[in-house]
Protein backbone atom coordinates (compact mmCIF):
# COMPACT_ATOMS: atom_id res chain seq x y z
CA MET A 1 69.36 122.21 69.50
CA ASN A 2 70.41 119.94 65.58
CA SER A 3 67.93 119.37 63.33
CA ASP A 4 68.10 115.25 65.16
CA GLN A 5 67.56 116.48 68.52
CA ILE A 6 64.84 118.21 67.15
CA GLU A 7 63.83 115.41 65.24
CA GLY A 8 63.78 113.14 67.58
CA THR A 9 62.03 114.94 70.06
CA TRP A 10 59.53 116.33 68.13
CA LYS A 11 57.43 112.94 68.55
CA GLN A 12 56.92 113.82 72.23
CA VAL A 13 56.32 117.50 72.16
CA LYS A 14 53.90 117.76 68.85
CA GLY A 15 51.65 115.30 71.35
CA LYS A 16 51.79 117.96 73.80
CA MET A 17 51.65 120.37 71.92
CA ARG A 18 48.61 118.41 69.68
CA GLU A 19 46.42 118.93 73.52
CA LYS A 20 46.83 122.83 72.94
CA TRP A 21 45.97 123.63 69.62
CA GLY A 22 43.63 121.35 68.45
CA LYS A 23 42.63 123.74 66.03
CA LEU A 24 45.62 122.55 64.24
CA THR A 25 44.54 119.14 61.50
CA ASP A 26 47.09 116.00 60.60
CA ASN A 27 47.88 118.08 57.40
CA ASP A 28 49.51 120.95 59.02
CA TRP A 29 51.33 118.58 61.83
CA GLU A 30 52.80 117.03 59.14
CA GLN A 31 54.15 120.35 57.53
CA VAL A 32 55.02 122.09 60.47
CA ALA A 33 58.35 118.83 61.02
CA GLY A 34 59.29 120.54 63.61
CA LYS A 35 60.12 123.68 62.42
CA LYS A 36 59.18 126.74 65.35
CA ASP A 37 58.39 128.93 62.33
CA GLN A 38 55.97 127.28 60.41
CA LEU A 39 54.24 126.44 63.57
CA LEU A 40 53.87 129.98 64.31
CA GLY A 41 52.72 130.36 60.64
CA LYS A 42 50.49 127.83 61.30
CA LEU A 43 48.49 129.73 64.76
CA GLN A 44 48.00 133.09 63.13
CA GLU A 45 46.58 131.24 60.44
CA ARG A 46 44.52 128.54 62.34
CA TYR A 47 44.03 130.98 65.01
CA GLY A 48 43.88 134.66 63.77
CA TYR A 49 46.34 135.28 65.66
CA THR A 50 48.89 138.08 64.20
CA ARG A 51 52.56 137.22 64.41
CA ALA A 52 53.77 138.56 67.56
CA GLN A 53 50.21 137.16 69.51
CA ALA A 54 51.69 133.28 67.79
CA GLU A 55 54.87 134.08 69.16
CA ARG A 56 53.73 135.01 73.36
CA ASP A 57 51.67 131.78 73.20
CA TYR A 58 53.85 129.56 71.92
CA ALA A 59 56.74 130.57 74.26
CA ASP A 60 54.06 130.81 76.76
CA TRP A 61 53.85 127.51 75.92
CA ASP A 62 57.50 126.42 75.68
CA ARG A 63 57.45 127.49 79.78
CA ALA A 64 54.78 126.00 80.42
CA ASN A 65 56.25 122.13 79.21
CA ASN A 66 60.00 122.88 79.74
CA THR A 67 60.45 121.90 76.87
CA ALA A 68 64.07 124.51 76.41
CA SER A 69 62.91 125.09 72.70
CA LYS A 70 62.45 121.51 71.40
CA VAL A 71 61.23 123.53 68.35
CA ALA A 72 64.11 125.92 66.15
């Protein structure tokens, strides 16, 4: 998915993600801005996850929400 597509769907996806990961602040979401790697880092920081845990949690969320990896 290219960056234009990610930006176009980011607001929709972000709303769903906020429901799952409520510990992330508004500032965190601004920093993530559709970047999967940034999101995984924030999950590690806020939830104390290892990188592998963050990747699993994201993958589980992605499958459950059928987002087809709209975050790059």
